[in-house]
C-alpha atoms as a PDB file:
ATOM      1  CA  MET A   1      49.211 -35.606  35.227  1.00  0.00           C
ATOM      2  CA  VAL A   2      47.146 -38.402  36.760  1.00  0.00           C
ATOM      3  CA  LEU A   3      46.868 -36.791  40.195  1.00  0.00           C
ATOM      4  CA  LYS A   4      45.618 -33.480  38.765  1.00  0.00           C
ATOM      5  CA  THR A   5      43.007 -35.284  36.661  1.00  0.00           C
ATOM      6  CA  ILE A   6      41.755 -37.154  39.724  1.00  0.00           C
ATOM      7  CA  LEU A   7      41.666 -34.006  41.866  1.00  0.00           C
ATOM      8  CA  ASP A   8      39.841 -32.090  39.148  1.00  0.00           C
ATOM      9  CA  ARG A   9      37.180 -34.815  39.066  1.00  0.00           C
ATOM     10  CA  LEU A  10      36.954 -34.675  42.848  1.00  0.00           C
ATOM     11  CA  TYR A  11      36.525 -30.895  42.649  1.00  0.00           C
ATOM     12  CA  GLU A  12      33.629 -31.330  40.220  1.00  0.00           C
ATOM     13  CA  CYS A  13      31.931 -33.772  42.602  1.00  0.00           C
ATOM     14  CA  ARG A  14      31.447 -31.227  45.385  1.00  0.00           C
ATOM     15  CA  SER A  15      27.809 -31.018  46.374  1.00  0.00           C
ATOM     16  CA  ASP A  16      25.219 -29.265  48.496  1.00  0.00           C
ATOM     17  CA  VAL A  17      25.379 -32.271  50.807  1.00  0.00           C
ATOM     18  CA  HIS A  18      29.020 -31.441  51.524  1.00  0.00           C
ATOM     19  CA  LEU A  19      28.217 -27.749  51.905  1.00  0.00           C
ATOM     20  CA  SER A  20      25.439 -28.449  54.414  1.00  0.00           C
ATOM     21  CA  ASN A  21      28.046 -30.169  56.572  1.00  0.00           C
ATOM     22  CA  ASP A  22      30.415 -27.203  56.447  1.00  0.00           C
ATOM     23  CA  PRO A  23      30.550 -23.880  58.369  1.00  0.00           C
ATOM     24  CA  LEU A  24      30.627 -22.049  55.031  1.00  0.00           C
ATOM     25  CA  SER A  25      26.947 -23.001  54.673  1.00  0.00           C
ATOM     26  CA  PHE A  26      26.041 -20.197  57.107  1.00  0.00           C
ATOM     27  CA  CYS A  27      27.381 -17.619  54.631  1.00  0.00           C
ATOM     28  CA  HIS A  28      25.129 -19.012  51.920  1.00  0.00           C
ATOM     29  CA  ARG A  29      22.072 -18.136  53.989  1.00  0.00           C
ATOM     30  CA  TYR A  30      22.668 -14.470  53.171  1.00  0.00           C
ATOM     31  CA  SER A  31      22.716 -12.716  49.809  1.00  0.00           C
ATOM     32  CA  ASP A  32      24.337  -9.427  50.860  1.00  0.00           C
ATOM     33  CA  PRO A  33      28.162  -9.574  50.535  1.00  0.00           C
ATOM     34  CA  GLN A  34      28.503  -7.400  53.641  1.00  0.00           C
ATOM     35  CA  ASP A  35      26.519  -9.919  55.681  1.00  0.00           C
ATOM     36  CA  ARG A  36      28.492 -12.804  54.227  1.00  0.00           C
ATOM     37  CA  GLU A  37      31.791 -11.243  55.259  1.00  0.00           C
ATOM     38  CA  ILE A  38      30.618 -10.870  58.874  1.00  0.00           C
ATOM     39  CA  VAL A  39      29.115 -14.357  59.001  1.00  0.00           C
ATOM     40  CA  GLY A  40      32.270 -15.801  57.458  1.00  0.00           C
ATOM     41  CA  LEU A  41      34.561 -14.508  60.188  1.00  0.00           C
ATOM     42  CA  ILE A  42      32.232 -15.657  62.965  1.00  0.00           C
ATOM     43  CA  ALA A  43      31.654 -19.084  61.429  1.00  0.00           C
ATOM     44  CA  SER A  44      35.312 -19.740  60.675  1.00  0.00           C
ATOM     45  CA  SER A  45      36.398 -18.548  64.122  1.00  0.00           C
ATOM     46  CA  LEU A  46      34.328 -21.223  65.865  1.00  0.00           C
ATOM     47  CA  ALA A  47      34.985 -23.978  63.316  1.00  0.00           C
ATOM     48  CA  TYR A  48      37.186 -26.248  65.396  1.00  0.00           C
ATOM     49  CA  GLY A  49      36.664 -29.548  67.161  1.00  0.00           C
ATOM     50  CA  ASN A  50      33.737 -31.848  66.382  1.00  0.00           C
ATOM     51  CA  VAL A  51      31.824 -30.735  63.272  1.00  0.00           C
ATOM     52  CA  LYS A  52      28.373 -31.459  64.694  1.00  0.00           C
ATOM     53  CA  ALA A  53      29.236 -29.621  67.905  1.00  0.00           C
ATOM     54  CA  PHE A  54      30.524 -26.427  66.307  1.00  0.00           C
ATOM     55  CA  MET A  55      27.745 -26.384  63.703  1.00  0.00           C
ATOM     56  CA  ALA A  56      25.199 -26.561  66.534  1.00  0.00           C
ATOM     57  CA  SER A  57      27.031 -23.809  68.410  1.00  0.00           C
ATOM     58  CA  LEU A  58      27.048 -21.579  65.317  1.00  0.00           C
ATOM     59  CA  GLU A  59      23.350 -22.232  64.831  1.00  0.00           C
ATOM     60  CA  ARG A  60      22.716 -20.891  68.328  1.00  0.00           C
ATOM     61  CA  VAL A  61      24.851 -17.804  67.677  1.00  0.00           C
ATOM     62  CA  PHE A  62      23.175 -16.868  64.392  1.00  0.00           C
ATOM     63  CA  SER A  63      19.696 -17.509  65.776  1.00  0.00           C
ATOM     64  CA  ARG A  64      20.322 -14.605  68.176  1.00  0.00           C
ATOM     65  CA  ILE A  65      21.598 -12.183  65.537  1.00  0.00           C
ATOM     66  CA  ASN A  66      19.064 -10.268  63.491  1.00  0.00           C
ATOM     67  CA  SER A  67      18.445 -10.737  59.777  1.00  0.00           C
ATOM     68  CA  SER A  68      21.395  -8.495  58.913  1.00  0.00           C
ATOM     69  CA  PRO A  69      24.610  -9.602  60.671  1.00  0.00           C
ATOM     70  CA  ARG A  70      26.408  -6.557  59.249  1.00  0.00           C
ATOM     71  CA  ARG A  71      23.880  -4.218  60.831  1.00  0.00           C
ATOM     72  CA  TYR A  72      24.100  -6.163  64.094  1.00  0.00           C
ATOM     73  CA  ILE A  73      27.871  -5.664  64.216  1.00  0.00           C
ATOM     74  CA  GLU A  74      27.664  -1.989  63.192  1.00  0.00           C
ATOM     75  CA  ARG A  75      25.256  -1.350  66.061  1.00  0.00           C
ATOM     76  CA  PHE A  76      26.849  -3.774  68.514  1.00  0.00           C
ATOM     77  CA  GLU A  77      26.724  -2.641  72.135  1.00  0.00           C
ATOM     78  CA  SER A  78      29.043  -4.614  74.372  1.00  0.00           C
ATOM     79  CA  ALA A  79      26.896  -4.430  77.518  1.00  0.00           C
ATOM     80  CA  VAL A  80      23.869  -5.733  75.620  1.00  0.00           C
ATOM     81  CA  GLY A  81      25.911  -8.407  73.872  1.00  0.00           C
ATOM     82  CA  LEU A  82      27.406  -9.659  77.127  1.00  0.00           C
ATOM     83  CA  ARG A  83      23.919 -10.109  78.560  1.00  0.00           C
ATOM     84  CA  HIS A  84      22.622 -11.649  75.353  1.00  0.00           C
ATOM     85  CA  PHE A  85      25.446 -14.201  75.181  1.00  0.00           C
ATOM     86  CA  SER A  86      26.068 -14.690  78.911  1.00  0.00           C
ATOM     87  CA  ASP A  87      25.237 -18.392  78.556  1.00  0.00           C
ATOM     88  CA  PHE A  88      27.365 -18.946  75.451  1.00  0.00           C
ATOM     89  CA  LYS A  89      29.985 -21.652  75.756  1.00  0.00           C
ATOM     90  CA  TYR A  90      31.779 -23.626  73.103  1.00  0.00           C
ATOM     91  CA  ARG A  91      34.719 -25.629  74.349  1.00  0.00           C
ATOM     92  CA  PHE A  92      37.150 -23.059  75.777  1.00  0.00           C
ATOM     93  CA  HIS A  93      35.427 -19.975  74.341  1.00  0.00           C
ATOM     94  CA  ASN A  94      32.712 -18.134  76.256  1.00  0.00           C
ATOM     95  CA  GLY A  95      30.393 -15.151  75.831  1.00  0.00           C
ATOM     96  CA  HIS A  96      33.146 -12.640  76.592  1.00  0.00           C
ATOM     97  CA  ASP A  97      35.335 -14.100  73.832  1.00  0.00           C
ATOM     98  CA  LEU A  98      32.441 -14.055  71.368  1.00  0.00           C
ATOM     99  CA  CYS A  99      31.551 -10.450  72.210  1.00  0.00           C
ATOM    100  CA  ALA A 100      35.206  -9.468  71.889  1.00  0.00           C
ATOM    101  CA  LEU A 101      35.076 -10.940  68.375  1.00  0.00           C
ATOM    102  CA  PHE A 102      31.996  -8.827  67.630  1.00  0.00           C
ATOM    103  CA  LEU A 103      33.739  -5.741  69.039  1.00  0.00           C
ATOM    104  CA  SER A 104      36.829  -6.413  66.893  1.00  0.00           C
ATOM    105  CA  MET A 105      34.672  -6.523  63.769  1.00  0.00           C
ATOM    106  CA  ARG A 106      32.850  -3.336  64.762  1.00  0.00           C
ATOM    107  CA  THR A 107      36.239  -1.662  65.217  1.00  0.00           C
ATOM    108  CA  MET A 108      37.469  -2.829  61.801  1.00  0.00           C
ATOM    109  CA  ILE A 109      34.322  -1.504  60.138  1.00  0.00           C
ATOM    110  CA  ARG A 110      34.553   1.857  61.884  1.00  0.00           C
ATOM    111  CA  GLU A 111      38.229   2.249  61.021  1.00  0.00           C
ATOM    112  CA  SER A 112      38.237   0.937  57.447  1.00  0.00           C
ATOM    113  CA  GLY A 113      34.682   0.324  56.280  1.00  0.00           C
ATOM    114  CA  SER A 114      34.905  -3.468  56.143  1.00  0.00           C
ATOM    115  CA  ILE A 115      36.969  -6.445  57.267  1.00  0.00           C
ATOM    116  CA  GLN A 116      38.366  -6.675  53.749  1.00  0.00           C
ATOM    117  CA  GLU A 117      39.602  -3.098  53.719  1.00  0.00           C
ATOM    118  CA  TYR A 118      41.102  -3.508  57.164  1.00  0.00           C
ATOM    119  CA  PHE A 119      42.965  -6.650  56.089  1.00  0.00           C
ATOM    120  CA  LEU A 120      44.213  -4.979  52.904  1.00  0.00           C
ATOM    121  CA  GLU A 121      45.950  -2.267  54.922  1.00  0.00           C
ATOM    122  CA  GLY A 122      48.547  -4.853  55.943  1.00  0.00           C
ATOM    123  CA  HIS A 123      48.533  -6.945  52.782  1.00  0.00           C
ATOM    124  CA  ASP A 124      51.131  -6.703  50.017  1.00  0.00           C
ATOM    125  CA  SER A 125      49.615  -7.572  46.647  1.00  0.00           C
ATOM    126  CA  SER A 126      53.099  -8.352  45.315  1.00  0.00           C
ATOM    127  CA  ALA A 127      53.955 -10.834  48.095  1.00  0.00           C
ATOM    128  CA  GLN A 128      54.210 -14.521  47.328  1.00  0.00           C
ATOM    129  CA  ASP A 129      51.463 -15.337  49.802  1.00  0.00           C
ATOM    130  CA  ILE A 130      49.390 -14.050  52.708  1.00  0.00           C
ATOM    131  CA  THR A 131      51.967 -14.698  55.449  1.00  0.00           C
ATOM    132  CA  GLU A 132      52.825 -11.107  56.305  1.00  0.00           C
ATOM    133  CA  GLY A 133      49.286  -9.942  55.709  1.00  0.00           C
ATOM    134  CA  LEU A 134      48.066 -12.401  58.323  1.00  0.00           C
ATOM    135  CA  ASN A 135      50.837 -11.436  60.737  1.00  0.00           C
ATOM    136  CA  THR A 136      49.879  -7.770  60.480  1.00  0.00           C
ATOM    137  CA  PHE A 137      46.138  -8.431  60.617  1.00  0.00           C
ATOM    138  CA  SER A 138      46.206 -10.600  63.738  1.00  0.00           C
ATOM    139  CA  ALA A 139      48.682  -8.404  65.607  1.00  0.00           C
ATOM    140  CA  SER A 140      46.694  -5.253  64.935  1.00  0.00           C
ATOM    141  CA  VAL A 141      43.351  -6.796  65.912  1.00  0.00           C
ATOM    142  CA  LEU A 142      44.795  -8.017  69.194  1.00  0.00           C
ATOM    143  CA  ARG A 143      45.934  -4.448  69.956  1.00  0.00           C
ATOM    144  CA  PHE A 144      42.389  -3.035  69.873  1.00  0.00           C
ATOM    145  CA  ASP A 145      40.948  -1.576  73.070  1.00  0.00           C
ATOM    146  CA  TYR A 146      38.734  -4.256  74.630  1.00  0.00           C
ATOM    147  CA  SER A 147      37.797  -2.323  77.776  1.00  0.00           C
ATOM    148  CA  GLU A 148      34.097  -2.657  76.946  1.00  0.00           C
ATOM    149  CA  ILE A 149      34.399  -6.432  77.217  1.00  0.00           C
ATOM    150  CA  PHE A 150      37.139  -7.152  79.723  1.00  0.00           C
ATOM    151  CA  GLY A 151      37.161  -3.973  81.823  1.00  0.00           C
ATOM    152  CA  CYS A 152      40.690  -3.056  80.722  1.00  0.00           C
ATOM    153  CA  PRO A 153      42.233  -2.242  77.299  1.00  0.00           C
ATOM    154  CA  ALA A 154      44.493  -5.280  77.235  1.00  0.00           C
ATOM    155  CA  ILE A 155      43.127  -8.786  76.750  1.00  0.00           C
ATOM    156  CA  PRO A 156      43.374 -10.756  80.038  1.00  0.00           C
ATOM    157  CA  LYS A 157      45.785 -13.679  80.007  1.00  0.00           C
ATOM    158  CA  SER A 158      42.902 -15.897  81.095  1.00  0.00           C
ATOM    159  CA  SER A 159      40.924 -15.123  77.921  1.00  0.00           C
ATOM    160  CA  PHE A 160      40.953 -17.461  74.944  1.00  0.00           C
ATOM    161  CA  PHE A 161      39.905 -14.666  72.584  1.00  0.00           C
ATOM    162  CA  PRO A 162      43.448 -14.411  71.053  1.00  0.00           C
ATOM    163  CA  HIS A 163      42.954 -17.953  69.709  1.00  0.00           C
ATOM    164  CA  PHE A 164      40.628 -16.410  67.122  1.00  0.00           C
ATOM    165  CA  PHE A 165      43.579 -14.451  65.692  1.00  0.00           C
ATOM    166  CA  PRO A 166      46.728 -16.610  65.578  1.00  0.00           C
ATOM    167  CA  SER A 167      49.616 -15.691  63.280  1.00  0.00           C
ATOM    168  CA  PRO A 168      52.193 -17.420  61.110  1.00  0.00           C
ATOM    169  CA  ALA A 169      54.853 -15.618  63.158  1.00  0.00           C
ATOM    170  CA  GLY A 170      53.813 -17.740  66.131  1.00  0.00           C
ATOM    171  CA  GLY A 171      54.088 -20.919  64.072  1.00  0.00           C
ATOM    172  CA  SER A 172      50.360 -21.580  63.938  1.00  0.00           C
ATOM    173  CA  ALA A 173      48.845 -23.133  60.831  1.00  0.00           C
ATOM    174  CA  CYS A 174      46.136 -20.434  61.189  1.00  0.00           C
ATOM    175  CA  LYS A 175      43.611 -22.941  59.889  1.00  0.00           C
ATOM    176  CA  ARG A 176      40.485 -20.923  60.636  1.00  0.00           C
ATOM    177  CA  LEU A 177      41.789 -17.624  59.265  1.00  0.00           C
ATOM    178  CA  CYS A 178      43.096 -19.370  56.139  1.00  0.00           C
ATOM    179  CA  MET A 179      39.677 -20.955  55.732  1.00  0.00           C
ATOM    180  CA  PHE A 180      37.971 -17.568  56.086  1.00  0.00           C
ATOM    181  CA  LEU A 181      40.303 -16.104  53.460  1.00  0.00           C
ATOM    182  CA  ARG A 182      39.611 -19.002  51.111  1.00  0.00           C
ATOM    183  CA  TRP A 183      35.882 -18.374  51.412  1.00  0.00           C
ATOM    184  CA  MET A 184      36.300 -14.666  50.733  1.00  0.00           C
ATOM    185  CA  VAL A 185      39.021 -14.712  48.052  1.00  0.00           C
ATOM    186  CA  ARG A 186      38.512 -17.750  45.823  1.00  0.00           C
ATOM    187  CA  PRO A 187      36.259 -17.115  42.802  1.00  0.00           C
ATOM    188  CA  ALA A 188      32.565 -17.772  43.380  1.00  0.00           C
ATOM    189  CA  ASP A 189      32.045 -21.378  42.304  1.00  0.00           C
ATOM    190  CA  GLY A 190      28.936 -22.436  44.187  1.00  0.00           C
ATOM    191  CA  ILE A 191      31.001 -23.103  47.301  1.00  0.00           C
ATOM    192  CA  ASP A 192      33.485 -20.267  47.863  1.00  0.00           C
ATOM    193  CA  LEU A 193      32.216 -16.706  47.597  1.00  0.00           C
ATOM    194  CA  GLY A 194      34.674 -14.577  45.597  1.00  0.00           C
ATOM    195  CA  LEU A 195      33.993 -11.413  47.606  1.00  0.00           C
ATOM    196  CA  TRP A 196      37.535 -10.100  48.081  1.00  0.00           C
ATOM    197  CA  GLU A 197      38.798  -9.438  44.584  1.00  0.00           C
ATOM    198  CA  SER A 198      41.813  -7.382  45.729  1.00  0.00           C
ATOM    199  CA  ILE A 199      43.666 -10.488  46.914  1.00  0.00           C
ATOM    200  CA  SER A 200      44.869 -13.043  44.409  1.00  0.00           C
ATOM    201  CA  PRO A 201      43.785 -16.675  44.973  1.00  0.00           C
ATOM    202  CA  ALA A 202      47.396 -17.562  44.111  1.00  0.00           C
ATOM    203  CA  GLN A 203      48.455 -16.016  47.439  1.00  0.00           C
ATOM    204  CA  LEU A 204      46.236 -18.213  49.594  1.00  0.00           C
ATOM    205  CA  ILE A 205      47.579 -20.859  51.961  1.00  0.00           C
ATOM    206  CA  ILE A 206      45.628 -24.044  52.570  1.00  0.00           C
ATOM    207  CA  PRO A 207      43.749 -24.392  55.871  1.00  0.00           C
ATOM    208  CA  VAL A 208      45.280 -27.418  57.591  1.00  0.00           C
ATOM    209  CA  ASP A 209      42.907 -29.388  59.790  1.00  0.00           C
ATOM    210  CA  ALA A 210      43.223 -33.043  60.819  1.00  0.00           C
ATOM    211  CA  HIS A 211      41.686 -34.228  57.545  1.00  0.00           C
ATOM    212  CA  ILE A 212      43.955 -32.178  55.292  1.00  0.00           C
ATOM    213  CA  GLN A 213      46.989 -33.113  57.383  1.00  0.00           C
ATOM    214  CA  ARG A 214      46.231 -36.824  57.033  1.00  0.00           C
ATOM    215  CA  ILE A 215      45.191 -36.832  53.359  1.00  0.00           C
ATOM    216  CA  ALA A 216      48.048 -34.531  52.289  1.00  0.00           C
ATOM    217  CA  GLY A 217      50.458 -36.954  53.942  1.00  0.00           C
ATOM    218  CA  PHE A 218      48.896 -39.886  52.097  1.00  0.00           C
ATOM    219  CA  LEU A 219      49.247 -38.002  48.799  1.00  0.00           C
ATOM    220  CA  GLY A 220      52.894 -37.131  49.472  1.00  0.00           C
ATOM    221  CA  PHE A 221      52.252 -33.378  49.732  1.00  0.00           C
ATOM    222  CA  THR A 222      54.043 -33.114  53.082  1.00  0.00           C
ATOM    223  CA  THR A 223      56.556 -35.064  55.121  1.00  0.00           C
ATOM    224  CA  ARG A 224      56.043 -33.032  58.282  1.00  0.00           C
ATOM    225  CA  SER A 225      54.293 -34.447  61.348  1.00  0.00           C
ATOM    226  CA  ARG A 226      53.179 -31.197  63.003  1.00  0.00           C
ATOM    227  CA  ALA A 227      50.281 -29.152  61.660  1.00  0.00           C
ATOM    228  CA  ASP A 228      51.992 -25.760  61.657  1.00  0.00           C
ATOM    229  CA  TRP A 229      52.575 -22.909  59.215  1.00  0.00           C
ATOM    230  CA  ARG A 230      55.487 -24.759  57.613  1.00  0.00           C
ATOM    231  CA  MET A 231      53.263 -27.752  56.899  1.00  0.00           C
ATOM    232  CA  ALA A 232      50.580 -25.463  55.452  1.00  0.00           C
ATOM    233  CA  GLY A 233      53.209 -23.896  53.190  1.00  0.00           C
ATOM    234  CA  GLU A 234      54.578 -27.271  52.130  1.00  0.00           C
ATOM    235  CA  ILE A 235      51.133 -28.600  51.172  1.00  0.00           C
ATOM    236  CA  THR A 236      50.281 -25.370  49.359  1.00  0.00           C
ATOM    237  CA  ALA A 237      53.546 -25.536  47.411  1.00  0.00           C
ATOM    238  CA  ALA A 238      52.653 -29.040  46.240  1.00  0.00           C
ATOM    239  CA  LEU A 239      49.174 -27.921  45.194  1.00  0.00           C
ATOM    240  CA  ARG A 240      50.620 -24.858  43.448  1.00  0.00           C
ATOM    241  CA  LEU A 241      52.366 -27.242  41.030  1.00  0.00           C
ATOM    242  CA  LEU A 242      48.924 -28.548  40.043  1.00  0.00           C
ATOM    243  CA  SER A 243      47.072 -25.225  40.073  1.00  0.00           C
ATOM    244  CA  PRO A 244      49.477 -22.238  40.168  1.00  0.00           C
ATOM    245  CA  ALA A 245      46.770 -19.578  40.013  1.00  0.00           C
ATOM    246  CA  ASP A 246      44.505 -21.241  42.573  1.00  0.00           C
ATOM    247  CA  PRO A 247      46.453 -23.619  44.846  1.00  0.00           C
ATOM    248  CA  VAL A 248      43.719 -24.099  47.450  1.00  0.00           C
ATOM    249  CA  LYS A 249      41.128 -25.000  44.821  1.00  0.00           C
ATOM    250  CA  TYR A 250      41.024 -28.588  46.049  1.00  0.00           C
ATOM    251  CA  ASP A 251      40.815 -27.835  49.790  1.00  0.00           C
ATOM    252  CA  PHE A 252      37.049 -28.179  50.181  1.00  0.00           C
ATOM    253  CA  SER A 253      36.781 -31.454  48.267  1.00  0.00           C
ATOM    254  CA  LEU A 254      39.822 -33.019  49.968  1.00  0.00           C
ATOM    255  CA  CYS A 255      38.652 -31.973  53.419  1.00  0.00           C
ATOM    256  CA  HIS A 256      35.193 -33.440  52.850  1.00  0.00           C
ATOM    257  CA  LEU A 257      36.659 -36.818  52.028  1.00  0.00           C
ATOM    258  CA  GLY A 258      37.164 -36.899  55.780  1.00  0.00           C
ATOM    259  CA  ILE A 259      34.263 -34.765  57.049  1.00  0.00           C
ATOM    260  CA  SER A 260      31.504 -36.131  54.815  1.00  0.00           C
ATOM    261  CA  GLU A 261      32.849 -39.305  53.217  1.00  0.00           C
ATOM    262  CA  GLY A 262      34.364 -41.002  56.264  1.00  0.00           C
ATOM    263  CA  CYS A 263      38.013 -41.115  55.190  1.00  0.00           C
ATOM    264  CA  GLY A 264      40.175 -41.961  58.179  1.00  0.00           C
ATOM    265  CA  GLY A 265      42.867 -43.965  56.425  1.00  0.00           C
ATOM    266  CA  LYS A 266      41.932 -47.094  58.369  1.00  0.00           C
ATOM    267  CA  ASP A 267      38.767 -48.493  56.782  1.00  0.00           C
ATOM    268  CA  ARG A 268      39.471 -50.561  53.677  1.00  0.00           C
ATOM    269  CA  LYS A 269      35.833 -50.341  52.535  1.00  0.00           C
ATOM    270  CA  VAL A 270      36.043 -46.528  52.541  1.00  0.00           C
ATOM    271  CA  CYS A 271      39.392 -46.639  50.738  1.00  0.00           C
ATOM    272  CA  LEU A 272      38.107 -48.932  47.999  1.00  0.00           C
ATOM    273  CA  ARG A 273      35.287 -46.572  47.051  1.00  0.00           C
ATOM    274  CA  CYS A 274      37.413 -43.419  47.328  1.00  0.00           C
ATOM    275  CA  SER A 275      38.273 -41.563  44.117  1.00  0.00           C
ATOM    276  CA  LEU A 276      41.863 -41.137  45.353  1.00  0.00           C
ATOM    277  CA  SER A 277      42.495 -44.841  45.930  1.00  0.00           C
ATOM    278  CA  ASP A 278      44.835 -45.190  42.936  1.00  0.00           C
ATOM    279  CA  VAL A 279      47.155 -42.421  44.128  1.00  0.00           C
ATOM    280  CA  CYS A 280      46.712 -42.459  47.905  1.00  0.00           C
ATOM    281  CA  ARG A 281      49.278 -44.182  50.114  1.00  0.00           C
ATOM    282  CA  GLY A 282      46.657 -44.594  52.832  1.00  0.00           C
ATOM    283  CA  SER A 283      44.707 -47.043  50.682  1.00  0.00           C
ATOM    284  CA  ARG A 284      47.773 -49.307  50.641  1.00  0.00           C
ATOM    285  CA  LEU A 285      48.336 -49.373  54.404  1.00  0.00           C
END
């Protein structure tokens, strides 16, 4: 199949230049899998909006965490964290939201030993994909007691913390959680980390951001106009025909056509040098 051949070549062309422009790069700063898991959830949670802006924001966060993020979370004290991150602000998230994220990870570790083991408690290894696992994971995390952060067990309606843990049940594409799972689950290949071996890569759903939404439409992977869970499933189904055991294999390389290579579907010069030009509808617009 021509498209698969082209995508396989694109996959092989991934580089450290692309990785340096990606939130996953923060995980690669650490060698300990336990640190990488913690860093992955923090980095993916804030990976929205302008790439330069959220990369700078993540740089500030990790500069304040000690050399072992896992140890920092294990020993996290909410009162100290709230003082430490009182000036934190990234778009609609603030220091309280960030500290609530830290508290949620501390709770998962105390209850199950790791984020992976906590996620697995709601995951069915025989399921077609991660839909119900994500539903269970997000719902349970949002039920934790956040009194230490917000002064009451329930999350205030004014807080944007729940945006870190959306669910397919709510219709969300769950882009950031799907991205985190891709990092953790896909086999280590120089980009993704292959840390969570108890989940099959075949069960992953593609993280749909603006770049994937646009490029997937150009490639005929989806006919939907709204970036929701149904679109994510439709794109993943199309990719599963090309790579049944690893449908999100091409996510990083496709996404970086937009992030790093300037693909916007409007610049003919970019289209002409793009490796997808022979199969992409955008190059004919």
